[in-house]
Amino acid sequence: MRLDILAALSGIFVAVQSRANGELAFRLQNSLEAACISFGSGLVVLMVFTYFHDGIKNGLRNIFRASSSGAIPRWRLFGGSLGGVVIAIQTHIVPLIGVAIYSVSVISGQTAISLLVDRLGLTGGGKRHISVRRVTAAALTVVAVVISVWDRLDAPMSSAAVVLGIISGGIIGLQRALNGQVNEHSGQSFATTLLNFITGTALLLLLFTIGLITHYSHLSPVKLTPWWMYLGGVTGVIYIAFASTVVQHLGVLTFTLFSVGGQLFGSLLFDIFLPSQGVHVGAYLVTGIFMTYIGVLANSERLGSGRRSG
């Protein structure tokens, strides 16, 4: 199979994860429990994979050695807990606004936070100049979010959910920056990912426990149908496997453009053929999706500078 198609498929898997987690939260009527199940199932899959993969075990050893020597500040090892926050937000808002608007808002947040990440040099490669082109691209993605929800601005719940989606995208961008620094020492992206799943699952279980104690949350009985709503954790791992493999051959720029395109296209298809309750697709949403991708293309100036050969 062509690598560009695999890159697009990896983006579709991101949309699958969003839809599955949203459905699980809706069926259980419990977003925190859904987040724990999704993240926890991904952790189980990764731990089984790690058992048969010595490279991941060595990567974990490298991380802890770097932490012990002070090469990595220990607080940075908890960057994976941010992933738990993202999934908690995702399971809460996807049932409200659908996969497509969620994807648009997340990509907008990622594009915007990338300016701050690069300006502060959080990726470990030093501070980078922020061009007018990249500021324009970030502004375009924000405008795309507004257009996407233009026909539902009068619904306070939807507007608040979109804001949370943008914040979620910003958190993802920050987490990737922290992961990039840890990857430099682990030499194995799956080792960093496993650490993310461990810390993220731990945070979600802590929040869920606090929710049970304070009666903010409740323990819902597990439902068996539809079966695909339990695929969130697995598809997250599949995306990581695709990303870590394909990007080495396509380069960061090409992979990002194809994967984001796949995510937006897949999100639109889900909201057309398998929508969450009350979600509909209109001209504003389609226009917003198109503008979001144009914004990603414009922002590719930074991605191109980090492209690998091959």
C-alpha atoms as a PDB file:
ATOM      1  CA  MET A   1       0.000   0.000   0.000  1.00  0.00           C
ATOM      2  CA  ARG A   2       1.265   3.492  -0.815  1.00  0.00           C
ATOM      3  CA  LEU A   3       2.670   5.426   2.134  1.00  0.00           C
ATOM      4  CA  ASP A   4       0.614   8.537   1.394  1.00  0.00           C
ATOM      5  CA  ILE A   5      -2.539   6.426   1.649  1.00  0.00           C
ATOM      6  CA  LEU A   6      -1.325   5.003   4.956  1.00  0.00           C
ATOM      7  CA  ALA A   7      -0.732   8.556   6.194  1.00  0.00           C
ATOM      8  CA  ALA A   8      -4.295   9.500   5.262  1.00  0.00           C
ATOM      9  CA  LEU A   9      -5.587   6.332   6.951  1.00  0.00           C
ATOM     10  CA  SER A  10      -3.761   7.290  10.142  1.00  0.00           C
ATOM     11  CA  GLY A  11      -5.717  10.549  10.138  1.00  0.00           C
ATOM     12  CA  ILE A  12      -8.952   8.632   9.645  1.00  0.00           C
ATOM     13  CA  PHE A  13      -8.050   6.540  12.700  1.00  0.00           C
ATOM     14  CA  VAL A  14      -7.951   9.792  14.714  1.00  0.00           C
ATOM     15  CA  ALA A  15     -11.522  10.468  13.564  1.00  0.00           C
ATOM     16  CA  VAL A  16     -12.506   6.879  14.448  1.00  0.00           C
ATOM     17  CA  GLN A  17     -11.099   7.353  17.946  1.00  0.00           C
ATOM     18  CA  SER A  18     -13.072  10.573  18.448  1.00  0.00           C
ATOM     19  CA  ARG A  19     -16.323   9.007  17.250  1.00  0.00           C
ATOM     20  CA  ALA A  20     -15.845   5.817  19.296  1.00  0.00           C
ATOM     21  CA  ASN A  21     -14.994   7.684  22.493  1.00  0.00           C
ATOM     22  CA  GLY A  22     -17.898  10.062  21.975  1.00  0.00           C
ATOM     23  CA  GLU A  23     -20.326   7.175  21.496  1.00  0.00           C
ATOM     24  CA  LEU A  24     -18.977   5.390  24.567  1.00  0.00           C
ATOM     25  CA  ALA A  25     -19.459   8.507  26.681  1.00  0.00           C
ATOM     26  CA  PHE A  26     -23.001   8.955  25.321  1.00  0.00           C
ATOM     27  CA  ARG A  27     -24.010   5.327  25.951  1.00  0.00           C
ATOM     28  CA  LEU A  28     -22.572   5.294  29.455  1.00  0.00           C
ATOM     29  CA  GLN A  29     -23.732   8.858  30.162  1.00  0.00           C
ATOM     30  CA  ASN A  30     -20.367   9.188  31.865  1.00  0.00           C
ATOM     31  CA  SER A  31     -17.501  10.933  30.061  1.00  0.00           C
ATOM     32  CA  LEU A  32     -14.888  10.296  32.760  1.00  0.00           C
ATOM     33  CA  GLU A  33     -15.552   6.573  32.865  1.00  0.00           C
ATOM     34  CA  ALA A  34     -15.456   6.468  29.063  1.00  0.00           C
ATOM     35  CA  ALA A  35     -12.085   8.248  29.094  1.00  0.00           C
ATOM     36  CA  CYS A  36     -10.710   5.749  31.622  1.00  0.00           C
ATOM     37  CA  ILE A  37     -11.886   2.797  29.514  1.00  0.00           C
ATOM     38  CA  SER A  38     -10.454   4.242  26.308  1.00  0.00           C
ATOM     39  CA  PHE A  39      -7.083   5.240  27.714  1.00  0.00           C
ATOM     40  CA  GLY A  40      -6.847   2.114  29.849  1.00  0.00           C
ATOM     41  CA  SER A  41      -7.531  -0.219  26.915  1.00  0.00           C
ATOM     42  CA  GLY A  42      -4.823   1.530  24.911  1.00  0.00           C
ATOM     43  CA  LEU A  43      -2.435   1.009  27.822  1.00  0.00           C
ATOM     44  CA  VAL A  44      -3.217  -2.721  27.924  1.00  0.00           C
ATOM     45  CA  VAL A  45      -2.535  -3.072  24.185  1.00  0.00           C
ATOM     46  CA  LEU A  46       0.769  -1.224  24.510  1.00  0.00           C
ATOM     47  CA  MET A  47       1.864  -3.256  27.536  1.00  0.00           C
ATOM     48  CA  VAL A  48       1.229  -6.522  25.670  1.00  0.00           C
ATOM     49  CA  PHE A  49       3.206  -5.169  22.709  1.00  0.00           C
ATOM     50  CA  THR A  50       6.016  -4.063  25.028  1.00  0.00           C
ATOM     51  CA  TYR A  51       6.308  -7.552  26.500  1.00  0.00           C
ATOM     52  CA  PHE A  52       7.448  -8.840  23.097  1.00  0.00           C
ATOM     53  CA  HIS A  53       9.493  -5.777  22.105  1.00  0.00           C
ATOM     54  CA  ASP A  54      12.912  -5.320  23.713  1.00  0.00           C
ATOM     55  CA  GLY A  55      13.397  -1.944  22.014  1.00  0.00           C
ATOM     56  CA  ILE A  56      10.551  -0.405  24.006  1.00  0.00           C
ATOM     57  CA  LYS A  57      11.933  -1.817  27.254  1.00  0.00           C
ATOM     58  CA  ASN A  58      15.342  -0.346  26.464  1.00  0.00           C
ATOM     59  CA  GLY A  59      13.706   2.963  25.620  1.00  0.00           C
ATOM     60  CA  LEU A  60      12.016   3.061  29.019  1.00  0.00           C
ATOM     61  CA  ARG A  61      15.342   2.329  30.700  1.00  0.00           C
ATOM     62  CA  ASN A  62      16.927   5.190  28.759  1.00  0.00           C
ATOM     63  CA  ILE A  63      14.173   7.558  29.920  1.00  0.00           C
ATOM     64  CA  PHE A  64      14.559   6.679  33.586  1.00  0.00           C
ATOM     65  CA  ARG A  65      18.347   6.846  33.392  1.00  0.00           C
ATOM     66  CA  ALA A  66      18.111  10.305  31.841  1.00  0.00           C
ATOM     67  CA  SER A  67      15.689  11.341  34.557  1.00  0.00           C
ATOM     68  CA  SER A  68      17.926  10.020  37.327  1.00  0.00           C
ATOM     69  CA  SER A  69      20.944  11.854  35.933  1.00  0.00           C
ATOM     70  CA  GLY A  70      18.993  15.105  35.596  1.00  0.00           C
ATOM     71  CA  ALA A  71      19.164  15.138  31.792  1.00  0.00           C
ATOM     72  CA  ILE A  72      15.361  15.206  31.780  1.00  0.00           C
ATOM     73  CA  PRO A  73      13.522  17.188  34.472  1.00  0.00           C
ATOM     74  CA  ARG A  74      11.276  14.709  36.272  1.00  0.00           C
ATOM     75  CA  TRP A  75       8.170  16.828  35.819  1.00  0.00           C
ATOM     76  CA  ARG A  76       8.549  16.349  32.066  1.00  0.00           C
ATOM     77  CA  LEU A  77       7.888  12.629  32.474  1.00  0.00           C
ATOM     78  CA  PHE A  78       4.322  13.514  33.415  1.00  0.00           C
ATOM     79  CA  GLY A  79       3.652  15.220  30.084  1.00  0.00           C
ATOM     80  CA  GLY A  80       1.661  12.143  29.097  1.00  0.00           C
ATOM     81  CA  SER A  81      -0.955  13.031  31.679  1.00  0.00           C
ATOM     82  CA  LEU A  82      -1.923  15.843  29.315  1.00  0.00           C
ATOM     83  CA  GLY A  83      -3.122  13.131  26.944  1.00  0.00           C
ATOM     84  CA  GLY A  84      -5.502  11.969  29.629  1.00  0.00           C
ATOM     85  CA  VAL A  85      -6.878  15.497  29.880  1.00  0.00           C
ATOM     86  CA  VAL A  86      -7.389  15.572  26.103  1.00  0.00           C
ATOM     87  CA  ILE A  87      -9.337  12.301  26.113  1.00  0.00           C
ATOM     88  CA  ALA A  88     -11.443  13.515  29.053  1.00  0.00           C
ATOM     89  CA  ILE A  89     -12.350  16.633  27.049  1.00  0.00           C
ATOM     90  CA  GLN A  90     -12.942  14.593  23.898  1.00  0.00           C
ATOM     91  CA  THR A  91     -15.371  12.168  25.526  1.00  0.00           C
ATOM     92  CA  HIS A  92     -17.258  15.104  27.026  1.00  0.00           C
ATOM     93  CA  ILE A  93     -17.712  17.321  23.963  1.00  0.00           C
ATOM     94  CA  VAL A  94     -17.841  15.031  20.887  1.00  0.00           C
ATOM     95  CA  PRO A  95     -21.402  13.892  21.769  1.00  0.00           C
ATOM     96  CA  LEU A  96     -22.352  17.601  21.842  1.00  0.00           C
ATOM     97  CA  ILE A  97     -20.740  18.969  18.670  1.00  0.00           C
ATOM     98  CA  GLY A  98     -19.819  15.936  16.576  1.00  0.00           C
ATOM     99  CA  VAL A  99     -16.511  14.682  15.221  1.00  0.00           C
ATOM    100  CA  ALA A 100     -16.019  17.232  12.438  1.00  0.00           C
ATOM    101  CA  ILE A 101     -16.345  20.393  14.537  1.00  0.00           C
ATOM    102  CA  TYR A 102     -14.241  18.758  17.241  1.00  0.00           C
ATOM    103  CA  SER A 103     -11.504  18.050  14.695  1.00  0.00           C
ATOM    104  CA  VAL A 104     -11.619  21.594  13.302  1.00  0.00           C
ATOM    105  CA  SER A 105     -11.384  23.130  16.778  1.00  0.00           C
ATOM    106  CA  VAL A 106      -8.540  20.811  17.854  1.00  0.00           C
ATOM    107  CA  ILE A 107      -6.492  21.510  14.720  1.00  0.00           C
ATOM    108  CA  SER A 108      -7.038  25.227  15.288  1.00  0.00           C
ATOM    109  CA  GLY A 109      -5.725  24.939  18.829  1.00  0.00           C
ATOM    110  CA  GLN A 110      -2.711  22.927  17.655  1.00  0.00           C
ATOM    111  CA  THR A 111      -1.862  25.478  14.965  1.00  0.00           C
ATOM    112  CA  ALA A 112      -2.130  28.371  17.390  1.00  0.00           C
ATOM    113  CA  ILE A 113      -0.111  26.753  20.196  1.00  0.00           C
ATOM    114  CA  SER A 114       2.639  25.808  17.734  1.00  0.00           C
ATOM    115  CA  LEU A 115       3.483  29.521  17.528  1.00  0.00           C
ATOM    116  CA  LEU A 116       4.062  29.719  21.281  1.00  0.00           C
ATOM    117  CA  VAL A 117       5.889  26.382  21.429  1.00  0.00           C
ATOM    118  CA  ASP A 118       8.357  27.431  18.745  1.00  0.00           C
ATOM    119  CA  ARG A 119       8.766  30.957  20.058  1.00  0.00           C
ATOM    120  CA  LEU A 120       9.696  29.630  23.509  1.00  0.00           C
ATOM    121  CA  GLY A 121      11.776  26.773  22.116  1.00  0.00           C
ATOM    122  CA  LEU A 122       9.863  24.108  24.038  1.00  0.00           C
ATOM    123  CA  THR A 123      10.713  21.388  21.512  1.00  0.00           C
ATOM    124  CA  GLY A 124      14.349  21.463  22.554  1.00  0.00           C
ATOM    125  CA  GLY A 125      15.641  22.801  19.242  1.00  0.00           C
ATOM    126  CA  GLY A 126      15.981  26.389  20.396  1.00  0.00           C
ATOM    127  CA  LYS A 127      13.703  29.366  19.861  1.00  0.00           C
ATOM    128  CA  ARG A 128      12.355  29.889  16.353  1.00  0.00           C
ATOM    129  CA  HIS A 129      11.260  32.963  14.469  1.00  0.00           C
ATOM    130  CA  ILE A 130       7.495  33.322  13.997  1.00  0.00           C
ATOM    131  CA  SER A 131       6.704  34.451  10.459  1.00  0.00           C
ATOM    132  CA  VAL A 132       3.724  36.500   9.329  1.00  0.00           C
ATOM    133  CA  ARG A 133       2.679  33.521   7.239  1.00  0.00           C
ATOM    134  CA  ARG A 134       2.346  31.277  10.279  1.00  0.00           C
ATOM    135  CA  VAL A 135       0.425  33.900  12.265  1.00  0.00           C
ATOM    136  CA  THR A 136      -1.932  34.262   9.306  1.00  0.00           C
ATOM    137  CA  ALA A 137      -2.336  30.478   9.127  1.00  0.00           C
ATOM    138  CA  ALA A 138      -3.223  30.282  12.817  1.00  0.00           C
ATOM    139  CA  ALA A 139      -5.723  33.131  12.435  1.00  0.00           C
ATOM    140  CA  LEU A 140      -7.269  31.368   9.438  1.00  0.00           C
ATOM    141  CA  THR A 141      -7.877  28.182  11.429  1.00  0.00           C
ATOM    142  CA  VAL A 142      -9.528  30.195  14.209  1.00  0.00           C
ATOM    143  CA  VAL A 143     -11.805  31.872  11.653  1.00  0.00           C
ATOM    144  CA  ALA A 144     -12.547  28.400  10.264  1.00  0.00           C
ATOM    145  CA  VAL A 145     -13.805  27.318  13.697  1.00  0.00           C
ATOM    146  CA  VAL A 146     -16.138  30.312  13.905  1.00  0.00           C
ATOM    147  CA  ILE A 147     -17.528  29.597  10.429  1.00  0.00           C
ATOM    148  CA  SER A 148     -17.968  25.902  11.241  1.00  0.00           C
ATOM    149  CA  VAL A 149     -20.253  26.713  14.182  1.00  0.00           C
ATOM    150  CA  TRP A 150     -21.833  29.852  12.698  1.00  0.00           C
ATOM    151  CA  ASP A 151     -25.286  28.264  12.534  1.00  0.00           C
ATOM    152  CA  ARG A 152     -25.154  27.214  16.200  1.00  0.00           C
ATOM    153  CA  LEU A 153     -23.575  30.221  17.901  1.00  0.00           C
ATOM    154  CA  ASP A 154     -26.826  30.804  19.748  1.00  0.00           C
ATOM    155  CA  ALA A 155     -26.346  27.520  21.608  1.00  0.00           C
ATOM    156  CA  PRO A 156     -24.167  28.288  24.674  1.00  0.00           C
ATOM    157  CA  MET A 157     -23.363  24.617  25.239  1.00  0.00           C
ATOM    158  CA  SER A 158     -21.996  24.195  21.698  1.00  0.00           C
ATOM    159  CA  SER A 159     -19.910  27.361  21.922  1.00  0.00           C
ATOM    160  CA  ALA A 160     -18.390  26.273  25.227  1.00  0.00           C
ATOM    161  CA  ALA A 161     -17.648  22.823  23.785  1.00  0.00           C
ATOM    162  CA  VAL A 162     -15.844  24.390  20.816  1.00  0.00           C
ATOM    163  CA  VAL A 163     -13.704  26.491  23.159  1.00  0.00           C
ATOM    164  CA  LEU A 164     -12.812  23.320  25.063  1.00  0.00           C
ATOM    165  CA  GLY A 165     -11.902  21.720  21.732  1.00  0.00           C
ATOM    166  CA  ILE A 166      -9.504  24.559  20.930  1.00  0.00           C
ATOM    167  CA  ILE A 167      -7.975  24.240  24.406  1.00  0.00           C
ATOM    168  CA  SER A 168      -7.649  20.492  23.799  1.00  0.00           C
ATOM    169  CA  GLY A 169      -5.724  21.172  20.594  1.00  0.00           C
ATOM    170  CA  GLY A 170      -3.410  23.493  22.483  1.00  0.00           C
ATOM    171  CA  ILE A 171      -2.782  20.789  25.078  1.00  0.00           C
ATOM    172  CA  ILE A 172      -1.948  18.287  22.320  1.00  0.00           C
ATOM    173  CA  GLY A 173       0.589  20.714  20.856  1.00  0.00           C
ATOM    174  CA  LEU A 174       2.214  21.224  24.236  1.00  0.00           C
ATOM    175  CA  GLN A 175       2.284  17.481  24.912  1.00  0.00           C
ATOM    176  CA  ARG A 176       3.997  16.814  21.582  1.00  0.00           C
ATOM    177  CA  ALA A 177       6.655  19.370  22.426  1.00  0.00           C
ATOM    178  CA  LEU A 178       7.358  17.661  25.760  1.00  0.00           C
ATOM    179  CA  ASN A 179       7.333  14.235  24.098  1.00  0.00           C
ATOM    180  CA  GLY A 180       9.865  15.443  21.557  1.00  0.00           C
ATOM    181  CA  GLN A 181      12.304  16.206  24.359  1.00  0.00           C
ATOM    182  CA  VAL A 182      11.734  12.812  26.014  1.00  0.00           C
ATOM    183  CA  ASN A 183      12.126  11.043  22.647  1.00  0.00           C
ATOM    184  CA  GLU A 184      15.609  12.489  22.304  1.00  0.00           C
ATOM    185  CA  HIS A 185      16.648  10.383  25.295  1.00  0.00           C
ATOM    186  CA  SER A 186      14.467   7.307  24.805  1.00  0.00           C
ATOM    187  CA  GLY A 187      15.402   6.738  21.170  1.00  0.00           C
ATOM    188  CA  GLN A 188      12.115   4.818  20.890  1.00  0.00           C
ATOM    189  CA  SER A 189       8.819   6.622  20.268  1.00  0.00           C
ATOM    190  CA  PHE A 190       6.744   3.709  21.583  1.00  0.00           C
ATOM    191  CA  ALA A 191       8.581   3.902  24.914  1.00  0.00           C
ATOM    192  CA  THR A 192       7.585   7.553  25.221  1.00  0.00           C
ATOM    193  CA  THR A 193       4.040   6.645  24.192  1.00  0.00           C
ATOM    194  CA  LEU A 194       3.839   3.893  26.818  1.00  0.00           C
ATOM    195  CA  LEU A 195       4.948   6.378  29.468  1.00  0.00           C
ATOM    196  CA  ASN A 196       2.211   8.737  28.219  1.00  0.00           C
ATOM    197  CA  PHE A 197      -0.439   6.051  28.538  1.00  0.00           C
ATOM    198  CA  ILE A 198       0.728   5.109  32.032  1.00  0.00           C
ATOM    199  CA  THR A 199       0.646   8.666  33.376  1.00  0.00           C
ATOM    200  CA  GLY A 200      -2.512   9.565  31.451  1.00  0.00           C
ATOM    201  CA  THR A 201      -4.408   6.518  32.700  1.00  0.00           C
ATOM    202  CA  ALA A 202      -3.241   7.192  36.269  1.00  0.00           C
ATOM    203  CA  LEU A 203      -4.517  10.777  36.091  1.00  0.00           C
ATOM    204  CA  LEU A 204      -7.883   9.729  34.666  1.00  0.00           C
ATOM    205  CA  LEU A 205      -8.360   7.053  37.324  1.00  0.00           C
ATOM    206  CA  LEU A 206      -7.503   9.624  40.004  1.00  0.00           C
ATOM    207  CA  LEU A 207     -10.027  12.109  38.602  1.00  0.00           C
ATOM    208  CA  PHE A 208     -12.666   9.393  38.284  1.00  0.00           C
ATOM    209  CA  THR A 209     -12.078   8.286  41.895  1.00  0.00           C
ATOM    210  CA  ILE A 210     -12.381  11.876  43.108  1.00  0.00           C
ATOM    211  CA  GLY A 211     -15.569  12.192  41.050  1.00  0.00           C
ATOM    212  CA  LEU A 212     -17.044   9.106  42.704  1.00  0.00           C
ATOM    213  CA  ILE A 213     -16.134  10.341  46.185  1.00  0.00           C
ATOM    214  CA  THR A 214     -17.590  13.804  45.572  1.00  0.00           C
ATOM    215  CA  HIS A 215     -20.611  12.378  43.675  1.00  0.00           C
ATOM    216  CA  TYR A 216     -19.659  14.466  40.616  1.00  0.00           C
ATOM    217  CA  SER A 217     -19.385  11.235  38.652  1.00  0.00           C
ATOM    218  CA  HIS A 218     -20.875   7.761  38.950  1.00  0.00           C
ATOM    219  CA  LEU A 219     -20.050   4.203  37.970  1.00  0.00           C
ATOM    220  CA  SER A 220     -22.098   3.198  34.950  1.00  0.00           C
ATOM    221  CA  PRO A 221     -22.794  -0.426  33.994  1.00  0.00           C
ATOM    222  CA  VAL A 222     -20.749  -1.526  31.003  1.00  0.00           C
ATOM    223  CA  LYS A 223     -22.747  -1.958  27.792  1.00  0.00           C
ATOM    224  CA  LEU A 224     -21.728  -4.367  25.043  1.00  0.00           C
ATOM    225  CA  THR A 225     -23.307  -2.647  22.049  1.00  0.00           C
ATOM    226  CA  PRO A 226     -22.379  -1.088  19.777  1.00  0.00           C
ATOM    227  CA  TRP A 227     -19.086  -2.971  19.920  1.00  0.00           C
ATOM    228  CA  TRP A 228     -17.127  -0.340  17.958  1.00  0.00           C
ATOM    229  CA  MET A 229     -17.413   2.225  20.748  1.00  0.00           C
ATOM    230  CA  TYR A 230     -14.635   0.352  22.576  1.00  0.00           C
ATOM    231  CA  LEU A 231     -12.133   0.897  19.753  1.00  0.00           C
ATOM    232  CA  GLY A 232     -10.921   4.294  20.978  1.00  0.00           C
ATOM    233  CA  GLY A 233      -7.844   3.055  22.799  1.00  0.00           C
ATOM    234  CA  VAL A 234      -6.854   0.562  20.086  1.00  0.00           C
ATOM    235  CA  THR A 235      -7.189   3.082  17.260  1.00  0.00           C
ATOM    236  CA  GLY A 236      -5.052   5.533  19.232  1.00  0.00           C
ATOM    237  CA  VAL A 237      -2.264   2.946  19.373  1.00  0.00           C
ATOM    238  CA  ILE A 238      -2.701   2.142  15.656  1.00  0.00           C
ATOM    239  CA  TYR A 239      -2.342   5.831  14.812  1.00  0.00           C
ATOM    240  CA  ILE A 240       0.904   6.012  16.789  1.00  0.00           C
ATOM    241  CA  ALA A 241       2.210   2.897  15.007  1.00  0.00           C
ATOM    242  CA  PHE A 242       1.370   4.371  11.599  1.00  0.00           C
ATOM    243  CA  ALA A 243       2.794   7.776  12.470  1.00  0.00           C
ATOM    244  CA  SER A 244       6.080   6.486  13.863  1.00  0.00           C
ATOM    245  CA  THR A 245       6.622   4.254  10.820  1.00  0.00           C
ATOM    246  CA  VAL A 246       5.332   6.263   7.862  1.00  0.00           C
ATOM    247  CA  VAL A 247       6.799   9.638   8.864  1.00  0.00           C
ATOM    248  CA  GLN A 248      10.305   8.182   8.606  1.00  0.00           C
ATOM    249  CA  HIS A 249       9.759   7.607   4.880  1.00  0.00           C
ATOM    250  CA  LEU A 250       7.408  10.426   3.872  1.00  0.00           C
ATOM    251  CA  GLY A 251       8.872  13.175   6.047  1.00  0.00           C
ATOM    252  CA  VAL A 252       7.019  15.305   8.593  1.00  0.00           C
ATOM    253  CA  LEU A 253       5.499  17.729   6.093  1.00  0.00           C
ATOM    254  CA  THR A 254       3.967  15.162   3.734  1.00  0.00           C
ATOM    255  CA  PHE A 255       2.752  12.956   6.572  1.00  0.00           C
ATOM    256  CA  THR A 256       1.073  15.866   8.353  1.00  0.00           C
ATOM    257  CA  LEU A 257      -0.706  17.123   5.243  1.00  0.00           C
ATOM    258  CA  PHE A 258      -2.064  13.668   4.368  1.00  0.00           C
ATOM    259  CA  SER A 259      -2.958  12.688   7.938  1.00  0.00           C
ATOM    260  CA  VAL A 260      -4.766  15.959   8.688  1.00  0.00           C
ATOM    261  CA  GLY A 261      -6.594  15.625   5.386  1.00  0.00           C
ATOM    262  CA  GLY A 262      -7.622  12.100   6.347  1.00  0.00           C
ATOM    263  CA  GLN A 263      -8.753  13.261   9.782  1.00  0.00           C
ATOM    264  CA  LEU A 264     -10.918  16.059   8.393  1.00  0.00           C
ATOM    265  CA  PHE A 265     -12.377  13.883   5.624  1.00  0.00           C
ATOM    266  CA  GLY A 266     -13.045  10.992   8.007  1.00  0.00           C
ATOM    267  CA  SER A 267     -14.651  13.328  10.537  1.00  0.00           C
ATOM    268  CA  LEU A 268     -16.981  14.698   7.875  1.00  0.00           C
ATOM    269  CA  LEU A 269     -17.984  11.193   6.771  1.00  0.00           C
ATOM    270  CA  PHE A 270     -18.773  10.180  10.361  1.00  0.00           C
ATOM    271  CA  ASP A 271     -20.993  13.219  10.874  1.00  0.00           C
ATOM    272  CA  ILE A 272     -22.815  12.469   7.616  1.00  0.00           C
ATOM    273  CA  PHE A 273     -23.296   8.694   7.849  1.00  0.00           C
ATOM    274  CA  LEU A 274     -22.871   7.922  11.575  1.00  0.00           C
ATOM    275  CA  PRO A 275     -23.591  11.173  13.412  1.00  0.00           C
ATOM    276  CA  SER A 276     -23.894  11.724  17.125  1.00  0.00           C
ATOM    277  CA  GLN A 277     -27.421  12.523  18.273  1.00  0.00           C
ATOM    278  CA  GLY A 278     -28.452  16.017  17.162  1.00  0.00           C
ATOM    279  CA  VAL A 279     -25.364  16.582  14.976  1.00  0.00           C
ATOM    280  CA  HIS A 280     -25.881  17.722  11.383  1.00  0.00           C
ATOM    281  CA  VAL A 281     -23.636  18.740   8.498  1.00  0.00           C
ATOM    282  CA  GLY A 282     -24.255  22.027   6.695  1.00  0.00           C
ATOM    283  CA  ALA A 283     -22.517  24.410   4.329  1.00  0.00           C
ATOM    284  CA  TYR A 284     -20.877  26.326   7.194  1.00  0.00           C
ATOM    285  CA  LEU A 285     -19.211  23.172   8.530  1.00  0.00           C
ATOM    286  CA  VAL A 286     -17.959  22.074   5.108  1.00  0.00           C
ATOM    287  CA  THR A 287     -16.555  25.568   4.486  1.00  0.00           C
ATOM    288  CA  GLY A 288     -14.869  25.535   7.887  1.00  0.00           C
ATOM    289  CA  ILE A 289     -13.243  22.169   7.164  1.00  0.00           C
ATOM    290  CA  PHE A 290     -11.900  23.458   3.847  1.00  0.00           C
ATOM    291  CA  MET A 291     -10.517  26.611   5.490  1.00  0.00           C
ATOM    292  CA  THR A 292      -8.902  24.550   8.254  1.00  0.00           C
ATOM    293  CA  TYR A 293      -6.976  22.517   5.712  1.00  0.00           C
ATOM    294  CA  ILE A 294      -5.907  25.684   3.890  1.00  0.00           C
ATOM    295  CA  GLY A 295      -4.612  26.950   7.253  1.00  0.00           C
ATOM    296  CA  VAL A 296      -2.639  23.729   7.771  1.00  0.00           C
ATOM    297  CA  LEU A 297      -1.129  24.099   4.293  1.00  0.00           C
ATOM    298  CA  ALA A 298      -0.120  27.681   5.063  1.00  0.00           C
ATOM    299  CA  ASN A 299       1.387  26.604   8.368  1.00  0.00           C
ATOM    300  CA  SER A 300       3.478  23.958   6.597  1.00  0.00           C
ATOM    301  CA  GLU A 301       6.373  26.424   6.415  1.00  0.00           C
ATOM    302  CA  ARG A 302       7.509  25.214   9.855  1.00  0.00           C
ATOM    303  CA  LEU A 303       6.856  21.588   9.027  1.00  0.00           C
ATOM    304  CA  GLY A 304       8.876  21.771   5.878  1.00  0.00           C
ATOM    305  CA  SER A 305      11.926  22.992   7.781  1.00  0.00           C
ATOM    306  CA  GLY A 306      11.847  19.804   9.865  1.00  0.00           C
ATOM    307  CA  ARG A 307      11.242  17.391   7.013  1.00  0.00           C
ATOM    308  CA  ARG A 308      13.286  14.252   6.861  1.00  0.00           C
ATOM    309  CA  SER A 309      14.700  12.913   3.688  1.00  0.00           C
ATOM    310  CA  GLY A 310      13.348   9.708   2.210  1.00  0.00           C
END
